[in-house]
């Protein structure tokens, strides 16, 4: 259980950092929020690929499709987060 949590945090850090790297401009979000968004992107992608495409990684190896989709989903979540927090700052 502890290993899974540590793995999720590390994956979230990597996915969140990659998502921020592919987005143009500067994103004004902190490292903890980046990690949480990366974890959320990874979890959402895993749920979607498992449910819709019946994808599992029982063969071992690196699930490249899930990693790429996780980065894309996390980038979308970063944009969404930026839009939501920007509106709060304007009010």
PDB file of N, CA and C in Angstrom:
ATOM      1  N   UNK A   1       0.823  -1.192   0.000  1.00  0.00           N
ATOM      2  CA  UNK A   1       0.000   0.000   0.000  1.00  0.00           C
ATOM      3  C   UNK A   1       0.869   1.260   0.000  1.00  0.00           C
ATOM      4  N   UNK A   2       1.873   1.292   0.863  1.00  0.00           N
ATOM      5  CA  UNK A   2       2.761   2.447   0.927  1.00  0.00           C
ATOM      6  C   UNK A   2       3.530   2.589  -0.389  1.00  0.00           C
ATOM      7  N   UNK A   3       3.935   1.472  -0.952  1.00  0.00           N
ATOM      8  CA  UNK A   3       4.652   1.495  -2.231  1.00  0.00           C
ATOM      9  C   UNK A   3       3.767   2.065  -3.333  1.00  0.00           C
ATOM     10  N   UNK A   4       2.495   1.714  -3.339  1.00  0.00           N
ATOM     11  CA  UNK A   4       1.567   2.228  -4.346  1.00  0.00           C
ATOM     12  C   UNK A   4       1.389   3.734  -4.203  1.00  0.00           C
ATOM     13  N   UNK A   5       1.319   4.221  -2.980  1.00  0.00           N
ATOM     14  CA  UNK A   5       1.162   5.655  -2.749  1.00  0.00           C
ATOM     15  C   UNK A   5       2.409   6.409  -3.197  1.00  0.00           C
ATOM     16  N   UNK A   6       3.571   5.888  -2.847  1.00  0.00           N
ATOM     17  CA  UNK A   6       4.826   6.522  -3.269  1.00  0.00           C
ATOM     18  C   UNK A   6       4.949   6.491  -4.788  1.00  0.00           C
ATOM     19  N   UNK A   7       4.571   5.380  -5.390  1.00  0.00           N
ATOM     20  CA  UNK A   7       4.593   5.272  -6.847  1.00  0.00           C
ATOM     21  C   UNK A   7       3.650   6.264  -7.504  1.00  0.00           C
ATOM     22  N   UNK A   8       2.460   6.461  -6.914  1.00  0.00           N
ATOM     23  CA  UNK A   8       1.500   7.420  -7.463  1.00  0.00           C
ATOM     24  C   UNK A   8       2.035   8.848  -7.364  1.00  0.00           C
ATOM     25  N   UNK A   9       2.713   9.159  -6.274  1.00  0.00           N
ATOM     26  CA  UNK A   9       3.280  10.494  -6.108  1.00  0.00           C
ATOM     27  C   UNK A   9       4.392  10.737  -7.128  1.00  0.00           C
ATOM     28  N   UNK A  10       5.250   9.749  -7.309  1.00  0.00           N
ATOM     29  CA  UNK A  10       6.345   9.889  -8.280  1.00  0.00           C
ATOM     30  C   UNK A  10       5.785   9.989  -9.699  1.00  0.00           C
ATOM     31  N   UNK A  11       4.818   9.133 -10.023  1.00  0.00           N
ATOM     32  CA  UNK A  11       4.190   9.200 -11.351  1.00  0.00           C
ATOM     33  C   UNK A  11       3.491  10.540 -11.539  1.00  0.00           C
ATOM     34  N   UNK A  12       2.809  11.025 -10.496  1.00  0.00           N
ATOM     35  CA  UNK A  12       2.143  12.318 -10.580  1.00  0.00           C
ATOM     36  C   UNK A  12       3.112  13.458 -10.814  1.00  0.00           C
ATOM     37  N   UNK A  13       4.259  13.384 -10.159  1.00  0.00           N
ATOM     38  CA  UNK A  13       5.290  14.405 -10.350  1.00  0.00           C
ATOM     39  C   UNK A  13       5.787  14.406 -11.797  1.00  0.00           C
ATOM     40  N   UNK A  14       6.066  13.230 -12.309  1.00  0.00           N
ATOM     41  CA  UNK A  14       6.570  13.117 -13.684  1.00  0.00           C
ATOM     42  C   UNK A  14       5.509  13.552 -14.689  1.00  0.00           C
ATOM     43  N   UNK A  15       4.296  13.045 -14.528  1.00  0.00           N
ATOM     44  CA  UNK A  15       3.219  13.373 -15.467  1.00  0.00           C
ATOM     45  C   UNK A  15       2.867  14.852 -15.389  1.00  0.00           C
ATOM     46  N   UNK A  16       2.772  15.400 -14.171  1.00  0.00           N
ATOM     47  CA  UNK A  16       2.478  16.820 -14.018  1.00  0.00           C
ATOM     48  C   UNK A  16       3.553  17.705 -14.623  1.00  0.00           C
ATOM     49  N   UNK A  17       4.819  17.338 -14.408  1.00  0.00           N
ATOM     50  CA  UNK A  17       5.930  18.122 -14.972  1.00  0.00           C
ATOM     51  C   UNK A  17       5.927  18.060 -16.496  1.00  0.00           C
ATOM     52  N   UNK A  18       5.682  16.888 -17.053  1.00  0.00           N
ATOM     53  CA  UNK A  18       5.611  16.764 -18.516  1.00  0.00           C
ATOM     54  C   UNK A  18       4.430  17.547 -19.076  1.00  0.00           C
ATOM     55  N   UNK A  19       3.308  17.503 -18.366  1.00  0.00           N
ATOM     56  CA  UNK A  19       2.130  18.246 -18.821  1.00  0.00           C
ATOM     57  C   UNK A  19       2.410  19.746 -18.833  1.00  0.00           C
ATOM     58  N   UNK A  20       3.070  20.234 -17.782  1.00  0.00           N
ATOM     59  CA  UNK A  20       3.420  21.664 -17.747  1.00  0.00           C
ATOM     60  C   UNK A  20       4.427  22.014 -18.831  1.00  0.00           C
ATOM     61  N   UNK A  21       5.310  21.075 -19.148  1.00  0.00           N
ATOM     62  CA  UNK A  21       6.338  21.334 -20.161  1.00  0.00           C
ATOM     63  C   UNK A  21       5.743  21.449 -21.564  1.00  0.00           C
ATOM     64  N   UNK A  22       4.674  20.711 -21.852  1.00  0.00           N
ATOM     65  CA  UNK A  22       4.115  20.758 -23.208  1.00  0.00           C
ATOM     66  C   UNK A  22       3.164  21.937 -23.399  1.00  0.00           C
ATOM     67  N   UNK A  23       2.754  22.572 -22.299  1.00  0.00           N
ATOM     68  CA  UNK A  23       1.866  23.724 -22.416  1.00  0.00           C
ATOM     69  C   UNK A  23       2.682  24.982 -22.687  1.00  0.00           C
ATOM     70  N   UNK A  24       2.209  25.832 -23.604  1.00  0.00           N
ATOM     71  CA  UNK A  24       2.944  27.072 -23.868  1.00  0.00           C
ATOM     72  C   UNK A  24       2.740  28.070 -22.734  1.00  0.00           C
ATOM     73  N   UNK A  25       3.709  28.913 -22.546  1.00  0.00           N
ATOM     74  CA  UNK A  25       3.604  29.953 -21.527  1.00  0.00           C
ATOM     75  C   UNK A  25       3.912  29.434 -20.130  1.00  0.00           C
ATOM     76  N   UNK A  26       3.703  30.323 -19.170  1.00  0.00           N
ATOM     77  CA  UNK A  26       4.002  29.995 -17.775  1.00  0.00           C
ATOM     78  C   UNK A  26       2.702  29.668 -17.052  1.00  0.00           C
ATOM     79  N   UNK A  27       2.700  28.553 -16.332  1.00  0.00           N
ATOM     80  CA  UNK A  27       1.560  28.190 -15.516  1.00  0.00           C
ATOM     81  C   UNK A  27       1.880  28.592 -14.082  1.00  0.00           C
ATOM     82  N   UNK A  28       1.003  29.348 -13.489  1.00  0.00           N
ATOM     83  CA  UNK A  28       1.235  29.864 -12.146  1.00  0.00           C
ATOM     84  C   UNK A  28       0.621  28.914 -11.115  1.00  0.00           C
ATOM     85  N   UNK A  29       1.172  27.695 -11.020  1.00  0.00           N
ATOM     86  CA  UNK A  29       0.697  26.731 -10.033  1.00  0.00           C
ATOM     87  C   UNK A  29       1.892  26.160  -9.282  1.00  0.00           C
ATOM     88  N   UNK A  30       1.637  25.726  -8.069  1.00  0.00           N
ATOM     89  CA  UNK A  30       2.714  25.229  -7.212  1.00  0.00           C
ATOM     90  C   UNK A  30       3.053  23.771  -7.527  1.00  0.00           C
ATOM     91  N   UNK A  31       4.167  23.321  -6.976  1.00  0.00           N
ATOM     92  CA  UNK A  31       4.593  21.932  -7.167  1.00  0.00           C
ATOM     93  C   UNK A  31       3.585  20.936  -6.583  1.00  0.00           C
ATOM     94  N   UNK A  32       3.063  21.154  -5.363  1.00  0.00           N
ATOM     95  CA  UNK A  32       2.073  20.200  -4.848  1.00  0.00           C
ATOM     96  C   UNK A  32       0.821  20.101  -5.727  1.00  0.00           C
ATOM     97  N   UNK A  33       0.355  21.221  -6.265  1.00  0.00           N
ATOM     98  CA  UNK A  33      -0.804  21.195  -7.158  1.00  0.00           C
ATOM     99  C   UNK A  33      -0.446  20.472  -8.451  1.00  0.00           C
ATOM    100  N   UNK A  34       0.764  20.670  -8.945  1.00  0.00           N
ATOM    101  CA  UNK A  34       1.221  19.968 -10.141  1.00  0.00           C
ATOM    102  C   UNK A  34       1.214  18.455  -9.911  1.00  0.00           C
ATOM    103  N   UNK A  35       1.691  18.026  -8.751  1.00  0.00           N
ATOM    104  CA  UNK A  35       1.708  16.601  -8.426  1.00  0.00           C
ATOM    105  C   UNK A  35       0.283  16.060  -8.346  1.00  0.00           C
ATOM    106  N   UNK A  36      -0.597  16.790  -7.658  1.00  0.00           N
ATOM    107  CA  UNK A  36      -1.989  16.338  -7.534  1.00  0.00           C
ATOM    108  C   UNK A  36      -2.686  16.255  -8.887  1.00  0.00           C
ATOM    109  N   UNK A  37      -2.435  17.235  -9.752  1.00  0.00           N
ATOM    110  CA  UNK A  37      -3.025  17.201 -11.089  1.00  0.00           C
ATOM    111  C   UNK A  37      -2.437  16.050 -11.896  1.00  0.00           C
ATOM    112  N   UNK A  38      -1.148  15.796 -11.755  1.00  0.00           N
ATOM    113  CA  UNK A  38      -0.528  14.653 -12.436  1.00  0.00           C
ATOM    114  C   UNK A  38      -1.115  13.332 -11.971  1.00  0.00           C
ATOM    115  N   UNK A  39      -1.338  13.195 -10.660  1.00  0.00           N
ATOM    116  CA  UNK A  39      -1.954  11.978 -10.125  1.00  0.00           C
ATOM    117  C   UNK A  39      -3.376  11.841 -10.651  1.00  0.00           C
ATOM    118  N   UNK A  40      -4.120  12.955 -10.655  1.00  0.00           N
ATOM    119  CA  UNK A  40      -5.491  12.920 -11.163  1.00  0.00           C
ATOM    120  C   UNK A  40      -5.524  12.526 -12.638  1.00  0.00           C
ATOM    121  N   UNK A  41      -4.595  13.074 -13.419  1.00  0.00           N
ATOM    122  CA  UNK A  41      -4.530  12.714 -14.838  1.00  0.00           C
ATOM    123  C   UNK A  41      -4.216  11.246 -15.034  1.00  0.00           C
ATOM    124  N   UNK A  42      -3.321  10.728 -14.217  1.00  0.00           N
ATOM    125  CA  UNK A  42      -2.960   9.317 -14.309  1.00  0.00           C
ATOM    126  C   UNK A  42      -4.125   8.408 -13.925  1.00  0.00           C
ATOM    127  N   UNK A  43      -4.802   8.763 -12.829  1.00  0.00           N
ATOM    128  CA  UNK A  43      -5.929   7.946 -12.374  1.00  0.00           C
ATOM    129  C   UNK A  43      -7.067   7.986 -13.394  1.00  0.00           C
ATOM    130  N   UNK A  44      -7.397   9.174 -13.896  1.00  0.00           N
ATOM    131  CA  UNK A  44      -8.461   9.286 -14.897  1.00  0.00           C
ATOM    132  C   UNK A  44      -8.135   8.481 -16.149  1.00  0.00           C
ATOM    133  N   UNK A  45      -6.906   8.582 -16.608  1.00  0.00           N
ATOM    134  CA  UNK A  45      -6.502   7.852 -17.806  1.00  0.00           C
ATOM    135  C   UNK A  45      -6.557   6.346 -17.584  1.00  0.00           C
ATOM    136  N   UNK A  46      -6.115   5.894 -16.427  1.00  0.00           N
ATOM    137  CA  UNK A  46      -6.169   4.468 -16.123  1.00  0.00           C
ATOM    138  C   UNK A  46      -7.605   3.973 -16.103  1.00  0.00           C
ATOM    139  N   UNK A  47      -8.487   4.739 -15.478  1.00  0.00           N
ATOM    140  CA  UNK A  47      -9.896   4.340 -15.437  1.00  0.00           C
ATOM    141  C   UNK A  47     -10.512   4.311 -16.832  1.00  0.00           C
ATOM    142  N   UNK A  48     -10.210   5.324 -17.628  1.00  0.00           N
ATOM    143  CA  UNK A  48     -10.781   5.399 -18.982  1.00  0.00           C
ATOM    144  C   UNK A  48     -10.255   4.275 -19.864  1.00  0.00           C
ATOM    145  N   UNK A  49      -8.935   4.075 -19.870  1.00  0.00           N
ATOM    146  CA  UNK A  49      -8.385   3.032 -20.744  1.00  0.00           C
ATOM    147  C   UNK A  49      -8.802   1.643 -20.291  1.00  0.00           C
ATOM    148  N   UNK A  50      -8.981   1.447 -18.998  1.00  0.00           N
ATOM    149  CA  UNK A  50      -9.422   0.141 -18.504  1.00  0.00           C
ATOM    150  C   UNK A  50     -10.876  -0.119 -18.855  1.00  0.00           C
ATOM    151  N   UNK A  51     -11.724   0.897 -18.711  1.00  0.00           N
ATOM    152  CA  UNK A  51     -13.154   0.723 -18.934  1.00  0.00           C
ATOM    153  C   UNK A  51     -13.519   0.731 -20.420  1.00  0.00           C
ATOM    154  N   UNK A  52     -13.001   1.700 -21.148  1.00  0.00           N
ATOM    155  CA  UNK A  52     -13.411   1.866 -22.542  1.00  0.00           C
ATOM    156  C   UNK A  52     -12.665   0.910 -23.473  1.00  0.00           C
ATOM    157  N   UNK A  53     -11.362   0.818 -23.305  1.00  0.00           N
ATOM    158  CA  UNK A  53     -10.555   0.024 -24.226  1.00  0.00           C
ATOM    159  C   UNK A  53     -10.170  -1.340 -23.679  1.00  0.00           C
ATOM    160  N   UNK A  54     -10.608  -1.646 -22.464  1.00  0.00           N
ATOM    161  CA  UNK A  54     -10.280  -2.912 -21.808  1.00  0.00           C
ATOM    162  C   UNK A  54      -8.772  -3.144 -21.810  1.00  0.00           C
ATOM    163  N   UNK A  55      -8.038  -2.060 -21.528  1.00  0.00           N
ATOM    164  CA  UNK A  55      -6.576  -2.096 -21.553  1.00  0.00           C
ATOM    165  C   UNK A  55      -6.044  -2.465 -20.181  1.00  0.00           C
ATOM    166  N   UNK A  56      -5.168  -3.429 -20.152  1.00  0.00           N
ATOM    167  CA  UNK A  56      -4.459  -3.733 -18.918  1.00  0.00           C
ATOM    168  C   UNK A  56      -3.000  -3.987 -19.273  1.00  0.00           C
ATOM    169  N   UNK A  57      -2.154  -3.910 -18.284  1.00  0.00           N
ATOM    170  CA  UNK A  57      -0.720  -4.046 -18.520  1.00  0.00           C
ATOM    171  C   UNK A  57      -0.205  -5.328 -17.881  1.00  0.00           C
ATOM    172  N   UNK A  58      -0.890  -6.428 -18.141  1.00  0.00           N
ATOM    173  CA  UNK A  58      -0.460  -7.691 -17.556  1.00  0.00           C
ATOM    174  C   UNK A  58       0.751  -8.275 -18.248  1.00  0.00           C
ATOM    175  N   UNK A  59       1.060  -7.787 -19.436  1.00  0.00           N
ATOM    176  CA  UNK A  59       2.203  -8.316 -20.160  1.00  0.00           C
ATOM    177  C   UNK A  59       3.517  -7.754 -19.635  1.00  0.00           C
ATOM    178  N   UNK A  60       3.425  -6.777 -18.736  1.00  0.00           N
ATOM    179  CA  UNK A  60       4.633  -6.160 -18.215  1.00  0.00           C
ATOM    180  C   UNK A  60       5.103  -5.048 -19.134  1.00  0.00           C
ATOM    181  N   UNK A  61       6.240  -4.522 -18.858  1.00  0.00           N
ATOM    182  CA  UNK A  61       6.769  -3.442 -19.677  1.00  0.00           C
ATOM    183  C   UNK A  61       6.187  -2.097 -19.280  1.00  0.00           C
ATOM    184  N   UNK A  62       6.494  -1.102 -20.051  1.00  0.00           N
ATOM    185  CA  UNK A  62       6.045   0.255 -19.772  1.00  0.00           C
ATOM    186  C   UNK A  62       4.773   0.520 -20.580  1.00  0.00           C
ATOM    187  N   UNK A  63       3.706   0.946 -19.916  1.00  0.00           N
ATOM    188  CA  UNK A  63       2.456   1.241 -20.636  1.00  0.00           C
ATOM    189  C   UNK A  63       2.522   2.626 -21.298  1.00  0.00           C
ATOM    190  N   UNK A  64       3.211   2.702 -22.434  1.00  0.00           N
ATOM    191  CA  UNK A  64       3.456   3.986 -23.091  1.00  0.00           C
ATOM    192  C   UNK A  64       2.181   4.718 -23.435  1.00  0.00           C
ATOM    193  N   UNK A  65       1.162   4.008 -23.902  1.00  0.00           N
ATOM    194  CA  UNK A  65      -0.088   4.664 -24.292  1.00  0.00           C
ATOM    195  C   UNK A  65      -0.706   5.347 -23.086  1.00  0.00           C
ATOM    196  N   UNK A  66      -0.727   4.667 -21.948  1.00  0.00           N
ATOM    197  CA  UNK A  66      -1.292   5.272 -20.745  1.00  0.00           C
ATOM    198  C   UNK A  66      -0.477   6.472 -20.291  1.00  0.00           C
ATOM    199  N   UNK A  67       0.833   6.411 -20.377  1.00  0.00           N
ATOM    200  CA  UNK A  67       1.670   7.549 -19.968  1.00  0.00           C
ATOM    201  C   UNK A  67       1.411   8.750 -20.869  1.00  0.00           C
ATOM    202  N   UNK A  68       1.357   8.532 -22.168  1.00  0.00           N
ATOM    203  CA  UNK A  68       1.126   9.637 -23.106  1.00  0.00           C
ATOM    204  C   UNK A  68      -0.250  10.244 -22.886  1.00  0.00           C
ATOM    205  N   UNK A  69      -1.265   9.390 -22.758  1.00  0.00           N
ATOM    206  CA  UNK A  69      -2.614   9.895 -22.501  1.00  0.00           C
ATOM    207  C   UNK A  69      -2.700  10.588 -21.140  1.00  0.00           C
ATOM    208  N   UNK A  70      -1.980  10.094 -20.156  1.00  0.00           N
ATOM    209  CA  UNK A  70      -1.976  10.720 -18.834  1.00  0.00           C
ATOM    210  C   UNK A  70      -1.409  12.132 -18.902  1.00  0.00           C
ATOM    211  N   UNK A  71      -0.364  12.318 -19.659  1.00  0.00           N
ATOM    212  CA  UNK A  71       0.234  13.655 -19.808  1.00  0.00           C
ATOM    213  C   UNK A  71      -0.751  14.592 -20.500  1.00  0.00           C
ATOM    214  N   UNK A  72      -1.437  14.101 -21.528  1.00  0.00           N
ATOM    215  CA  UNK A  72      -2.413  14.924 -22.251  1.00  0.00           C
ATOM    216  C   UNK A  72      -3.582  15.302 -21.335  1.00  0.00           C
ATOM    217  N   UNK A  73      -4.094  14.317 -20.589  1.00  0.00           N
ATOM    218  CA  UNK A  73      -5.200  14.583 -19.661  1.00  0.00           C
ATOM    219  C   UNK A  73      -4.746  15.560 -18.571  1.00  0.00           C
ATOM    220  N   UNK A  74      -3.556  15.363 -18.037  1.00  0.00           N
ATOM    221  CA  UNK A  74      -3.043  16.269 -17.005  1.00  0.00           C
ATOM    222  C   UNK A  74      -2.857  17.682 -17.557  1.00  0.00           C
ATOM    223  N   UNK A  75      -2.420  17.803 -18.799  1.00  0.00           N
ATOM    224  CA  UNK A  75      -2.284  19.136 -19.411  1.00  0.00           C
ATOM    225  C   UNK A  75      -3.649  19.817 -19.493  1.00  0.00           C
ATOM    226  N   UNK A  76      -4.658  19.053 -19.870  1.00  0.00           N
ATOM    227  CA  UNK A  76      -6.012  19.610 -19.892  1.00  0.00           C
ATOM    228  C   UNK A  76      -6.475  20.028 -18.508  1.00  0.00           C
ATOM    229  N   UNK A  77      -6.147  19.229 -17.498  1.00  0.00           N
ATOM    230  CA  UNK A  77      -6.524  19.577 -16.126  1.00  0.00           C
ATOM    231  C   UNK A  77      -5.782  20.818 -15.641  1.00  0.00           C
ATOM    232  N   UNK A  78      -4.528  20.994 -16.073  1.00  0.00           N
ATOM    233  CA  UNK A  78      -3.766  22.191 -15.704  1.00  0.00           C
ATOM    234  C   UNK A  78      -4.419  23.428 -16.319  1.00  0.00           C
ATOM    235  N   UNK A  79      -4.820  23.329 -17.570  1.00  0.00           N
ATOM    236  CA  UNK A  79      -5.501  24.449 -18.223  1.00  0.00           C
ATOM    237  C   UNK A  79      -6.815  24.746 -17.505  1.00  0.00           C
ATOM    238  N   UNK A  80      -7.566  23.708 -17.179  1.00  0.00           N
ATOM    239  CA  UNK A  80      -8.826  23.879 -16.454  1.00  0.00           C
ATOM    240  C   UNK A  80      -8.584  24.531 -15.096  1.00  0.00           C
ATOM    241  N   UNK A  81      -7.603  24.049 -14.371  1.00  0.00           N
ATOM    242  CA  UNK A  81      -7.260  24.617 -13.066  1.00  0.00           C
ATOM    243  C   UNK A  81      -6.866  26.090 -13.201  1.00  0.00           C
ATOM    244  N   UNK A  82      -6.066  26.393 -14.220  1.00  0.00           N
ATOM    245  CA  UNK A  82      -5.665  27.779 -14.445  1.00  0.00           C
ATOM    246  C   UNK A  82      -6.846  28.684 -14.742  1.00  0.00           C
ATOM    247  N   UNK A  83      -7.793  28.200 -15.530  1.00  0.00           N
ATOM    248  CA  UNK A  83      -8.979  28.993 -15.846  1.00  0.00           C
ATOM    249  C   UNK A  83      -9.852  29.208 -14.618  1.00  0.00           C
ATOM    250  N   UNK A  84     -10.011  28.185 -13.802  1.00  0.00           N
ATOM    251  CA  UNK A  84     -10.853  28.302 -12.609  1.00  0.00           C
ATOM    252  C   UNK A  84     -10.221  29.259 -11.601  1.00  0.00           C
ATOM    253  N   UNK A  85      -8.921  29.117 -11.361  1.00  0.00           N
ATOM    254  CA  UNK A  85      -8.278  29.988 -10.370  1.00  0.00           C
ATOM    255  C   UNK A  85      -8.139  31.418 -10.887  1.00  0.00           C
ATOM    256  N   UNK A  86      -8.026  31.615 -12.190  1.00  0.00           N
ATOM    257  CA  UNK A  86      -7.940  32.971 -12.744  1.00  0.00           C
ATOM    258  C   UNK A  86      -9.260  33.704 -12.547  1.00  0.00           C
ATOM    259  N   UNK A  87     -10.370  33.001 -12.680  1.00  0.00           N
ATOM    260  CA  UNK A  87     -11.677  33.630 -12.468  1.00  0.00           C
ATOM    261  C   UNK A  87     -11.865  34.029 -11.012  1.00  0.00           C
ATOM    262  N   UNK A  88     -11.371  33.208 -10.100  1.00  0.00           N
ATOM    263  CA  UNK A  88     -11.500  33.535  -8.683  1.00  0.00           C
ATOM    264  C   UNK A  88     -10.678  34.778  -8.328  1.00  0.00           C
ATOM    265  N   UNK A  89      -9.536  34.950  -8.988  1.00  0.00           N
ATOM    266  CA  UNK A  89      -8.683  36.094  -8.702  1.00  0.00           C
ATOM    267  C   UNK A  89      -9.268  37.383  -9.251  1.00  0.00           C
ATOM    268  N   UNK A  90     -10.064  37.296 -10.317  1.00  0.00           N
ATOM    269  CA  UNK A  90     -10.666  38.474 -10.906  1.00  0.00           C
ATOM    270  C   UNK A  90     -11.807  39.008 -10.056  1.00  0.00           C
ATOM    271  N   UNK A  91     -12.474  38.155  -9.320  1.00  0.00           N
ATOM    272  CA  UNK A  91     -13.627  38.594  -8.511  1.00  0.00           C
ATOM    273  C   UNK A  91     -13.223  39.208  -7.226  1.00  0.00           C
TER     274      UNK A  91
END
